[in-house]
PDB file of N, CA and C in Angstrom:
ATOM      1  N   MET A   1     131.090  99.035  98.320  1.00  0.00           N
ATOM      2  CA  MET A   1     129.940  98.182  98.114  1.00  0.00           C
ATOM      3  C   MET A   1     129.342  98.484  96.747  1.00  0.00           C
ATOM      4  N   ALA A   2     129.206  97.478  95.914  1.00  0.00           N
ATOM      5  CA  ALA A   2     128.606  97.640  94.598  1.00  0.00           C
ATOM      6  C   ALA A   2     127.097  97.826  94.745  1.00  0.00           C
ATOM      7  N   ARG A   3     126.575  98.762  94.004  1.00  0.00           N
ATOM      8  CA  ARG A   3     125.139  99.026  94.032  1.00  0.00           C
ATOM      9  C   ARG A   3     124.497  98.436  92.792  1.00  0.00           C
ATOM     10  N   SER A   4     123.235  98.101  92.919  1.00  0.00           N
ATOM     11  CA  SER A   4     122.489  97.544  91.805  1.00  0.00           C
ATOM     12  C   SER A   4     121.165  98.298  91.692  1.00  0.00           C
ATOM     13  N   TYR A   5     120.767  98.575  90.466  1.00  0.00           N
ATOM     14  CA  TYR A   5     119.537  99.318  90.209  1.00  0.00           C
ATOM     15  C   TYR A   5     118.698  98.565  89.196  1.00  0.00           C
ATOM     16  N   ASP A   6     117.389  98.678  89.332  1.00  0.00           N
ATOM     17  CA  ASP A   6     116.482  98.050  88.381  1.00  0.00           C
ATOM     18  C   ASP A   6     116.240  98.924  87.161  1.00  0.00           C
ATOM     19  N   THR A   7     116.328 100.255  87.339  1.00  0.00           N
ATOM     20  CA  THR A   7     116.046 101.160  86.232  1.00  0.00           C
ATOM     21  C   THR A   7     117.110 102.248  86.135  1.00  0.00           C
ATOM     22  N   LEU A   8     117.204 102.813  84.953  1.00  0.00           N
ATOM     23  CA  LEU A   8     118.124 103.929  84.720  1.00  0.00           C
ATOM     24  C   LEU A   8     117.786 105.102  85.629  1.00  0.00           C
ATOM     25  N   SER A   9     116.515 105.420  85.760  1.00  0.00           N
ATOM     26  CA  SER A   9     116.128 106.570  86.594  1.00  0.00           C
ATOM     27  C   SER A   9     116.508 106.354  88.057  1.00  0.00           C
ATOM     28  N   GLN A  10     116.415 105.134  88.566  1.00  0.00           N
ATOM     29  CA  GLN A  10     116.848 104.858  89.943  1.00  0.00           C
ATOM     30  C   GLN A  10     118.335 105.137  90.091  1.00  0.00           C
ATOM     31  N   ALA A  11     119.115 104.701  89.115  1.00  0.00           N
ATOM     32  CA  ALA A  11     120.563 104.912  89.178  1.00  0.00           C
ATOM     33  C   ALA A  11     120.893 106.396  89.151  1.00  0.00           C
ATOM     34  N   VAL A  12     120.306 107.129  88.224  1.00  0.00           N
ATOM     35  CA  VAL A  12     120.576 108.566  88.117  1.00  0.00           C
ATOM     36  C   VAL A  12     120.160 109.280  89.393  1.00  0.00           C
ATOM     37  N   ASN A  13     118.975 108.990  89.904  1.00  0.00           N
ATOM     38  CA  ASN A  13     118.500 109.653  91.127  1.00  0.00           C
ATOM     39  C   ASN A  13     119.416 109.366  92.315  1.00  0.00           C
ATOM     40  N   ASP A  14     119.874 108.115  92.458  1.00  0.00           N
ATOM     41  CA  ASP A  14     120.751 107.778  93.572  1.00  0.00           C
ATOM     42  C   ASP A  14     122.115 108.443  93.418  1.00  0.00           C
ATOM     43  N   LEU A  15     122.666 108.432  92.210  1.00  0.00           N
ATOM     44  CA  LEU A  15     123.957 109.086  91.994  1.00  0.00           C
ATOM     45  C   LEU A  15     123.862 110.582  92.295  1.00  0.00           C
ATOM     46  N   GLN A  16     122.790 111.221  91.868  1.00  0.00           N
ATOM     47  CA  GLN A  16     122.614 112.642  92.152  1.00  0.00           C
ATOM     48  C   GLN A  16     122.501 112.877  93.652  1.00  0.00           C
ATOM     49  N   ALA A  17     121.789 112.013  94.353  1.00  0.00           N
ATOM     50  CA  ALA A  17     121.663 112.134  95.813  1.00  0.00           C
ATOM     51  C   ALA A  17     123.010 111.950  96.504  1.00  0.00           C
ATOM     52  N   ARG A  18     123.913 111.196  95.875  1.00  0.00           N
ATOM     53  CA  ARG A  18     125.249 110.967  96.433  1.00  0.00           C
ATOM     54  C   ARG A  18     126.261 112.004  95.964  1.00  0.00           C
ATOM     55  N   GLY A  19     125.796 113.070  95.288  1.00  0.00           N
ATOM     56  CA  GLY A  19     126.683 114.183  94.959  1.00  0.00           C
ATOM     57  C   GLY A  19     127.104 114.297  93.518  1.00  0.00           C
ATOM     58  N   TYR A  20     126.687 113.400  92.660  1.00  0.00           N
ATOM     59  CA  TYR A  20     127.016 113.486  91.231  1.00  0.00           C
ATOM     60  C   TYR A  20     125.961 114.354  90.555  1.00  0.00           C
ATOM     61  N   THR A  21     126.091 115.644  90.748  1.00  0.00           N
ATOM     62  CA  THR A  21     125.020 116.571  90.367  1.00  0.00           C
ATOM     63  C   THR A  21     125.236 117.292  89.045  1.00  0.00           C
ATOM     64  N   ASP A  22     126.445 117.282  88.509  1.00  0.00           N
ATOM     65  CA  ASP A  22     126.683 117.951  87.228  1.00  0.00           C
ATOM     66  C   ASP A  22     126.118 117.105  86.090  1.00  0.00           C
ATOM     67  N   GLU A  23     125.480 117.779  85.127  1.00  0.00           N
ATOM     68  CA  GLU A  23     124.958 117.103  83.947  1.00  0.00           C
ATOM     69  C   GLU A  23     126.050 117.063  82.889  1.00  0.00           C
ATOM     70  N   LEU A  24     126.356 115.875  82.419  1.00  0.00           N
ATOM     71  CA  LEU A  24     127.444 115.687  81.464  1.00  0.00           C
ATOM     72  C   LEU A  24     126.902 115.170  80.133  1.00  0.00           C
ATOM     73  N   THR A  25     127.566 115.579  79.051  1.00  0.00           N
ATOM     74  CA  THR A  25     127.199 115.152  77.705  1.00  0.00           C
ATOM     75  C   THR A  25     128.431 114.592  77.016  1.00  0.00           C
ATOM     76  N   LEU A  26     128.262 113.492  76.328  1.00  0.00           N
ATOM     77  CA  LEU A  26     129.367 112.843  75.634  1.00  0.00           C
ATOM     78  C   LEU A  26     129.534 113.412  74.235  1.00  0.00           C
ATOM     79  N   HIS A  27     130.765 113.759  73.905  1.00  0.00           N
ATOM     80  CA  HIS A  27     131.137 114.191  72.554  1.00  0.00           C
ATOM     81  C   HIS A  27     132.208 113.226  72.063  1.00  0.00           C
ATOM     82  N   ASP A  28     132.570 113.314  70.795  1.00  0.00           N
ATOM     83  CA  ASP A  28     133.476 112.319  70.229  1.00  0.00           C
ATOM     84  C   ASP A  28     134.871 112.327  70.846  1.00  0.00           C
ATOM     85  N   GLU A  29     135.340 113.468  71.375  1.00  0.00           N
ATOM     86  CA  GLU A  29     136.687 113.551  71.944  1.00  0.00           C
ATOM     87  C   GLU A  29     136.718 113.871  73.435  1.00  0.00           C
ATOM     88  N   CYS A  30     135.563 114.163  74.027  1.00  0.00           N
ATOM     89  CA  CYS A  30     135.550 114.595  75.432  1.00  0.00           C
ATOM     90  C   CYS A  30     134.153 114.450  76.016  1.00  0.00           C
ATOM     91  N   VAL A  31     134.065 114.741  77.309  1.00  0.00           N
ATOM     92  CA  VAL A  31     132.798 114.854  78.014  1.00  0.00           C
ATOM     93  C   VAL A  31     132.633 116.327  78.342  1.00  0.00           C
ATOM     94  N   ILE A  32     131.451 116.879  78.108  1.00  0.00           N
ATOM     95  CA  ILE A  32     131.183 118.288  78.385  1.00  0.00           C
ATOM     96  C   ILE A  32     130.343 118.399  79.648  1.00  0.00           C
ATOM     97  N   CYS A  33     130.782 119.251  80.573  1.00  0.00           N
ATOM     98  CA  CYS A  33     129.979 119.601  81.743  1.00  0.00           C
ATOM     99  C   CYS A  33     129.073 120.744  81.312  1.00  0.00           C
ATOM    100  N   ASN A  34     127.785 120.482  81.225  1.00  0.00           N
ATOM    101  CA  ASN A  34     126.844 121.463  80.700  1.00  0.00           C
ATOM    102  C   ASN A  34     126.702 122.697  81.600  1.00  0.00           C
ATOM    103  N   GLY A  35     126.894 122.545  82.883  1.00  0.00           N
ATOM    104  CA  GLY A  35     126.723 123.661  83.808  1.00  0.00           C
ATOM    105  C   GLY A  35     127.741 124.773  83.635  1.00  0.00           C
ATOM    106  N   ASN A  36     128.975 124.412  83.327  1.00  0.00           N
ATOM    107  CA  ASN A  36     130.011 125.433  83.172  1.00  0.00           C
ATOM    108  C   ASN A  36     130.733 125.336  81.827  1.00  0.00           C
ATOM    109  N   ASN A  37     130.175 124.531  80.913  1.00  0.00           N
ATOM    110  CA  ASN A  37     130.703 124.389  79.555  1.00  0.00           C
ATOM    111  C   ASN A  37     132.186 124.014  79.532  1.00  0.00           C
ATOM    112  N   THR A  38     132.572 123.120  80.435  1.00  0.00           N
ATOM    113  CA  THR A  38     133.951 122.660  80.524  1.00  0.00           C
ATOM    114  C   THR A  38     134.110 121.342  79.775  1.00  0.00           C
ATOM    115  N   ALA A  39     135.155 121.246  78.972  1.00  0.00           N
ATOM    116  CA  ALA A  39     135.475 120.002  78.267  1.00  0.00           C
ATOM    117  C   ALA A  39     136.386 119.154  79.139  1.00  0.00           C
ATOM    118  N   LEU A  40     135.971 117.919  79.386  1.00  0.00           N
ATOM    119  CA  LEU A  40     136.769 116.970  80.152  1.00  0.00           C
ATOM    120  C   LEU A  40     137.332 115.944  79.175  1.00  0.00           C
ATOM    121  N   HIS A  41     138.616 116.015  78.934  1.00  0.00           N
ATOM    122  CA  HIS A  41     139.273 115.056  78.053  1.00  0.00           C
ATOM    123  C   HIS A  41     139.603 113.802  78.856  1.00  0.00           C
ATOM    124  N   PRO A  42     139.876 112.686  78.219  1.00  0.00           N
ATOM    125  CA  PRO A  42     140.054 111.423  78.949  1.00  0.00           C
ATOM    126  C   PRO A  42     141.021 111.474  80.127  1.00  0.00           C
ATOM    127  N   ASP A  43     142.089 112.251  80.051  1.00  0.00           N
ATOM    128  CA  ASP A  43     143.019 112.339  81.177  1.00  0.00           C
ATOM    129  C   ASP A  43     142.520 113.242  82.303  1.00  0.00           C
ATOM    130  N   ASP A  44     141.403 113.941  82.076  1.00  0.00           N
ATOM    131  CA  ASP A  44     140.880 114.905  83.048  1.00  0.00           C
ATOM    132  C   ASP A  44     139.864 114.317  84.014  1.00  0.00           C
ATOM    133  N   PHE A  45     139.411 113.084  83.806  1.00  0.00           N
ATOM    134  CA  PHE A  45     138.360 112.540  84.662  1.00  0.00           C
ATOM    135  C   PHE A  45     138.583 111.061  84.940  1.00  0.00           C
ATOM    136  N   ILE A  46     137.902 110.605  86.006  1.00  0.00           N
ATOM    137  CA  ILE A  46     137.872 109.176  86.315  1.00  0.00           C
ATOM    138  C   ILE A  46     136.418 108.734  86.403  1.00  0.00           C
ATOM    139  N   ILE A  47     136.213 107.474  86.168  1.00  0.00           N
ATOM    140  CA  ILE A  47     134.883 106.884  86.277  1.00  0.00           C
ATOM    141  C   ILE A  47     134.838 106.141  87.602  1.00  0.00           C
ATOM    142  N   ASP A  48     134.011 106.650  88.523  1.00  0.00           N
ATOM    143  CA  ASP A  48     133.906 106.023  89.839  1.00  0.00           C
ATOM    144  C   ASP A  48     133.076 104.743  89.789  1.00  0.00           C
ATOM    145  N   GLU A  49     132.036 104.745  88.962  1.00  0.00           N
ATOM    146  CA  GLU A  49     131.209 103.552  88.803  1.00  0.00           C
ATOM    147  C   GLU A  49     130.385 103.680  87.531  1.00  0.00           C
ATOM    148  N   PHE A  50     129.827 102.583  87.095  1.00  0.00           N
ATOM    149  CA  PHE A  50     128.965 102.581  85.924  1.00  0.00           C
ATOM    150  C   PHE A  50     127.899 101.504  86.083  1.00  0.00           C
ATOM    151  N   HIS A  51     126.790 101.681  85.379  1.00  0.00           N
ATOM    152  CA  HIS A  51     125.680 100.734  85.446  1.00  0.00           C
ATOM    153  C   HIS A  51     125.069 100.610  84.061  1.00  0.00           C
ATOM    154  N   ARG A  52     124.925  99.384  83.602  1.00  0.00           N
ATOM    155  CA  ARG A  52     124.344  99.118  82.281  1.00  0.00           C
ATOM    156  C   ARG A  52     122.897  98.688  82.432  1.00  0.00           C
ATOM    157  N   PHE A  53     122.082  99.121  81.469  1.00  0.00           N
ATOM    158  CA  PHE A  53     120.667  98.755  81.450  1.00  0.00           C
ATOM    159  C   PHE A  53     120.320  98.280  80.051  1.00  0.00           C
ATOM    160  N   GLU A  54     119.704  97.104  79.978  1.00  0.00           N
ATOM    161  CA  GLU A  54     119.330  96.541  78.689  1.00  0.00           C
ATOM    162  C   GLU A  54     117.818  96.435  78.618  1.00  0.00           C
ATOM    163  N   GLY A  55     117.267  96.978  77.537  1.00  0.00           N
ATOM    164  CA  GLY A  55     115.821  96.884  77.337  1.00  0.00           C
ATOM    165  C   GLY A  55     115.409  95.437  77.161  1.00  0.00           C
ATOM    166  N   GLU A  56     114.312  95.049  77.789  1.00  0.00           N
ATOM    167  CA  GLU A  56     113.871  93.654  77.721  1.00  0.00           C
ATOM    168  C   GLU A  56     113.449  93.259  76.315  1.00  0.00           C
ATOM    169  N   SER A  57     112.813  94.178  75.586  1.00  0.00           N
ATOM    170  CA  SER A  57     112.312  93.807  74.273  1.00  0.00           C
ATOM    171  C   SER A  57     112.801  94.699  73.145  1.00  0.00           C
ATOM    172  N   ASN A  58     113.438  95.825  73.481  1.00  0.00           N
ATOM    173  CA  ASN A  58     113.836  96.776  72.452  1.00  0.00           C
ATOM    174  C   ASN A  58     115.317  97.100  72.592  1.00  0.00           C
ATOM    175  N   PRO A  59     116.135  96.707  71.622  1.00  0.00           N
ATOM    176  CA  PRO A  59     117.575  96.986  71.708  1.00  0.00           C
ATOM    177  C   PRO A  59     117.909  98.465  71.802  1.00  0.00           C
ATOM    178  N   SER A  60     117.017  99.340  71.340  1.00  0.00           N
ATOM    179  CA  SER A  60     117.302 100.770  71.429  1.00  0.00           C
ATOM    180  C   SER A  60     117.188 101.288  72.860  1.00  0.00           C
ATOM    181  N   ASP A  61     116.730 100.459  73.785  1.00  0.00           N
ATOM    182  CA  ASP A  61     116.632 100.847  75.198  1.00  0.00           C
ATOM    183  C   ASP A  61     117.914 100.569  75.961  1.00  0.00           C
ATOM    184  N   GLU A  62     118.969 100.136  75.287  1.00  0.00           N
ATOM    185  CA  GLU A  62     120.219  99.838  75.964  1.00  0.00           C
ATOM    186  C   GLU A  62     120.942 101.138  76.306  1.00  0.00           C
ATOM    187  N   SER A  63     121.301 101.285  77.579  1.00  0.00           N
ATOM    188  CA  SER A  63     121.999 102.500  77.997  1.00  0.00           C
ATOM    189  C   SER A  63     122.966 102.170  79.125  1.00  0.00           C
ATOM    190  N   ILE A  64     123.843 103.122  79.360  1.00  0.00           N
ATOM    191  CA  ILE A  64     124.829 102.992  80.429  1.00  0.00           C
ATOM    192  C   ILE A  64     124.935 104.345  81.124  1.00  0.00           C
ATOM    193  N   VAL A  65     125.027 104.313  82.433  1.00  0.00           N
ATOM    194  CA  VAL A  65     125.187 105.548  83.210  1.00  0.00           C
ATOM    195  C   VAL A  65     126.537 105.471  83.924  1.00  0.00           C
ATOM    196  N   TYR A  66     127.279 106.570  83.824  1.00  0.00           N
ATOM    197  CA  TYR A  66     128.596 106.678  84.449  1.00  0.00           C
ATOM    198  C   TYR A  66     128.553 107.722  85.556  1.00  0.00           C
ATOM    199  N   ALA A  67     129.207 107.429  86.674  1.00  0.00           N
ATOM    200  CA  ALA A  67     129.469 108.411  87.727  1.00  0.00           C
ATOM    201  C   ALA A  67     130.890 108.904  87.484  1.00  0.00           C
ATOM    202  N   ILE A  68     131.014 110.167  87.093  1.00  0.00           N
ATOM    203  CA  ILE A  68     132.295 110.722  86.651  1.00  0.00           C
ATOM    204  C   ILE A  68     132.735 111.845  87.578  1.00  0.00           C
ATOM    205  N   ARG A  69     134.062 111.870  87.829  1.00  0.00           N
ATOM    206  CA  ARG A  69     134.633 112.891  88.702  1.00  0.00           C
ATOM    207  C   ARG A  69     135.885 113.469  88.056  1.00  0.00           C
ATOM    208  N   SER A  70     136.011 114.797  88.146  1.00  0.00           N
ATOM    209  CA  SER A  70     137.219 115.481  87.699  1.00  0.00           C
ATOM    210  C   SER A  70     137.668 116.431  88.795  1.00  0.00           C
ATOM    211  N   VAL A  71     138.757 116.088  89.452  1.00  0.00           N
ATOM    212  CA  VAL A  71     139.315 116.961  90.486  1.00  0.00           C
ATOM    213  C   VAL A  71     139.835 118.244  89.835  1.00  0.00           C
ATOM    214  N   LYS A  72     140.495 118.101  88.711  1.00  0.00           N
ATOM    215  CA  LYS A  72     141.091 119.234  87.997  1.00  0.00           C
ATOM    216  C   LYS A  72     140.069 120.328  87.692  1.00  0.00           C
ATOM    217  N   HIS A  73     138.864 119.923  87.271  1.00  0.00           N
ATOM    218  CA  HIS A  73     137.844 120.891  86.868  1.00  0.00           C
ATOM    219  C   HIS A  73     136.712 121.028  87.888  1.00  0.00           C
ATOM    220  N   GLU A  74     136.846 120.378  89.037  1.00  0.00           N
ATOM    221  CA  GLU A  74     135.839 120.426  90.100  1.00  0.00           C
ATOM    222  C   GLU A  74     134.456 120.048  89.578  1.00  0.00           C
ATOM    223  N   VAL A  75     134.402 118.915  88.908  1.00  0.00           N
ATOM    224  CA  VAL A  75     133.162 118.402  88.336  1.00  0.00           C
ATOM    225  C   VAL A  75     132.898 117.022  88.913  1.00  0.00           C
ATOM    226  N   THR A  76     131.656 116.786  89.320  1.00  0.00           N
ATOM    227  CA  THR A  76     131.205 115.475  89.765  1.00  0.00           C
ATOM    228  C   THR A  76     129.817 115.284  89.182  1.00  0.00           C
ATOM    229  N   GLY A  77     129.697 114.398  88.206  1.00  0.00           N
ATOM    230  CA  GLY A  77     128.418 114.324  87.526  1.00  0.00           C
ATOM    231  C   GLY A  77     128.072 112.970  86.961  1.00  0.00           C
ATOM    232  N   VAL A  78     126.926 112.985  86.271  1.00  0.00           N
ATOM    233  CA  VAL A  78     126.344 111.793  85.687  1.00  0.00           C
ATOM    234  C   VAL A  78     126.349 111.927  84.170  1.00  0.00           C
ATOM    235  N   LEU A  79     126.817 110.886  83.510  1.00  0.00           N
ATOM    236  CA  LEU A  79     126.788 110.801  82.055  1.00  0.00           C
ATOM    237  C   LEU A  79     125.946 109.593  81.684  1.00  0.00           C
ATOM    238  N   VAL A  80     124.915 109.806  80.861  1.00  0.00           N
ATOM    239  CA  VAL A  80     124.078 108.720  80.363  1.00  0.00           C
ATOM    240  C   VAL A  80     124.319 108.615  78.872  1.00  0.00           C
ATOM    241  N   ASN A  81     124.563 107.401  78.407  1.00  0.00           N
ATOM    242  CA  ASN A  81     124.831 107.194  76.989  1.00  0.00           C
ATOM    243  C   ASN A  81     124.227 105.866  76.548  1.00  0.00           C
ATOM    244  N   ALA A  82     123.897 105.799  75.276  1.00  0.00           N
ATOM    245  CA  ALA A  82     123.414 104.548  74.693  1.00  0.00           C
ATOM    246  C   ALA A  82     124.599 103.630  74.434  1.00  0.00           C
ATOM    247  N   PHE A  83     124.350 102.335  74.392  1.00  0.00           N
ATOM    248  CA  PHE A  83     125.358 101.400  73.903  1.00  0.00           C
ATOM    249  C   PHE A  83     124.645 100.421  72.991  1.00  0.00           C
ATOM    250  N   GLY A  84     125.404  99.626  72.325  1.00  0.00           N
ATOM    251  CA  GLY A  84     124.801  98.719  71.360  1.00  0.00           C
ATOM    252  C   GLY A  84     124.521  99.445  70.057  1.00  0.00           C
ATOM    253  N   PRO A  85     123.396  99.168  69.406  1.00  0.00           N
ATOM    254  CA  PRO A  85     123.113  99.729  68.086  1.00  0.00           C
ATOM    255  C   PRO A  85     123.042 101.253  68.049  1.00  0.00           C
ATOM    256  N   ASP A  86     122.662 101.878  69.158  1.00  0.00           N
ATOM    257  CA  ASP A  86     122.513 103.334  69.188  1.00  0.00           C
ATOM    258  C   ASP A  86     123.702 104.050  69.806  1.00  0.00           C
ATOM    259  N   ALA A  87     124.804 103.383  69.988  1.00  0.00           N
ATOM    260  CA  ALA A  87     125.977 103.980  70.631  1.00  0.00           C
ATOM    261  C   ALA A  87     126.498 105.173  69.839  1.00  0.00           C
ATOM    262  N   THR A  88     127.018 106.132  70.574  1.00  0.00           N
ATOM    263  CA  THR A  88     127.582 107.341  69.999  1.00  0.00           C
ATOM    264  C   THR A  88     128.914 107.035  69.325  1.00  0.00           C
ATOM    265  N   SER A  89     129.206 107.732  68.238  1.00  0.00           N
ATOM    266  CA  SER A  89     130.493 107.591  67.564  1.00  0.00           C
ATOM    267  C   SER A  89     131.546 108.360  68.360  1.00  0.00           C
ATOM    268  N   LEU A  90     132.611 107.667  68.759  1.00  0.00           N
ATOM    269  CA  LEU A  90     133.657 108.269  69.584  1.00  0.00           C
ATOM    270  C   LEU A  90     135.016 108.027  68.963  1.00  0.00           C
ATOM    271  N   ASN A  91     135.977 108.896  69.321  1.00  0.00           N
ATOM    272  CA  ASN A  91     137.339 108.600  68.890  1.00  0.00           C
ATOM    273  C   ASN A  91     137.895 107.478  69.773  1.00  0.00           C
ATOM    274  N   GLN A  92     138.992 106.876  69.362  1.00  0.00           N
ATOM    275  CA  GLN A  92     139.520 105.699  70.054  1.00  0.00           C
ATOM    276  C   GLN A  92     139.936 105.999  71.494  1.00  0.00           C
ATOM    277  N   THR A  93     140.430 107.180  71.755  1.00  0.00           N
ATOM    278  CA  THR A  93     140.845 107.538  73.122  1.00  0.00           C
ATOM    279  C   THR A  93     139.650 107.527  74.072  1.00  0.00           C
ATOM    280  N   MET A  94     138.521 108.071  73.618  1.00  0.00           N
ATOM    281  CA  MET A  94     137.319 108.061  74.456  1.00  0.00           C
ATOM    282  C   MET A  94     136.770 106.644  74.606  1.00  0.00           C
ATOM    283  N   VAL A  95     136.793 105.872  73.548  1.00  0.00           N
ATOM    284  CA  VAL A  95     136.345 104.478  73.628  1.00  0.00           C
ATOM    285  C   VAL A  95     137.169 103.737  74.675  1.00  0.00           C
ATOM    286  N   ASP A  96     138.488 103.903  74.631  1.00  0.00           N
ATOM    287  CA  ASP A  96     139.369 103.246  75.596  1.00  0.00           C
ATOM    288  C   ASP A  96     139.074 103.689  77.025  1.00  0.00           C
ATOM    289  N   LYS A  97     138.873 104.979  77.217  1.00  0.00           N
ATOM    290  CA  LYS A  97     138.613 105.511  78.560  1.00  0.00           C
ATOM    291  C   LYS A  97     137.315 104.954  79.109  1.00  0.00           C
ATOM    292  N   LEU A  98     136.246 104.976  78.325  1.00  0.00           N
ATOM    293  CA  LEU A  98     134.958 104.501  78.809  1.00  0.00           C
ATOM    294  C   LEU A  98     134.946 102.983  78.986  1.00  0.00           C
ATOM    295  N   ALA A  99     135.779 102.290  78.255  1.00  0.00           N
ATOM    296  CA  ALA A  99     135.845 100.827  78.378  1.00  0.00           C
ATOM    297  C   ALA A  99     136.589 100.397  79.642  1.00  0.00           C
ATOM    298  N   THR A 100     137.477 101.236  80.163  1.00  0.00           N
ATOM    299  CA  THR A 100     138.256 100.853  81.335  1.00  0.00           C
ATOM    300  C   THR A 100     137.470 101.004  82.615  1.00  0.00           C
ATOM    301  N   HIS A 101     136.516 101.911  82.640  1.00  0.00           N
ATOM    302  CA  HIS A 101     135.682 102.160  83.809  1.00  0.00           C
ATOM    303  C   HIS A 101     136.482 102.511  85.056  1.00  0.00           C
ATOM    304  N   ARG A 102     137.659 103.120  84.836  1.00  0.00           N
ATOM    305  CA  ARG A 102     138.466 103.621  85.954  1.00  0.00           C
ATOM    306  C   ARG A 102     139.477 104.580  85.450  1.00  0.00           C
TER     307      ARG A 102
END
C-alpha cells in the first residue's frame, strides 16, 4: 500500500516508527550510516520507498526522503536530501541508483 504524507516530518516520523531508525547521510559516491560510520555503495542497498516534498512558495524547500535498507550491513534507515536547485552533487552511479527507487 502506497503511503502519502503532507509534510517531510510526517514521513520521517512514520518511517522511523516502521523501523527505519538509522540516520543516513548522502555523499557523492555512497550513503553513510552515521550510527556505525558504514559506507553503503549503490550495490549495497535498496530503496524501499521514497516521498517527494515541494515547497509551495520557495524552491529551496524541495526535498525527498528515502527509506533505505541494506541487508549486507544490517542498516535500515532514512535519508533526506534536497532536489531541484539545492540538490547534492553526486557521481553518476549514485544518481542512477537514486533515480531508480529500487
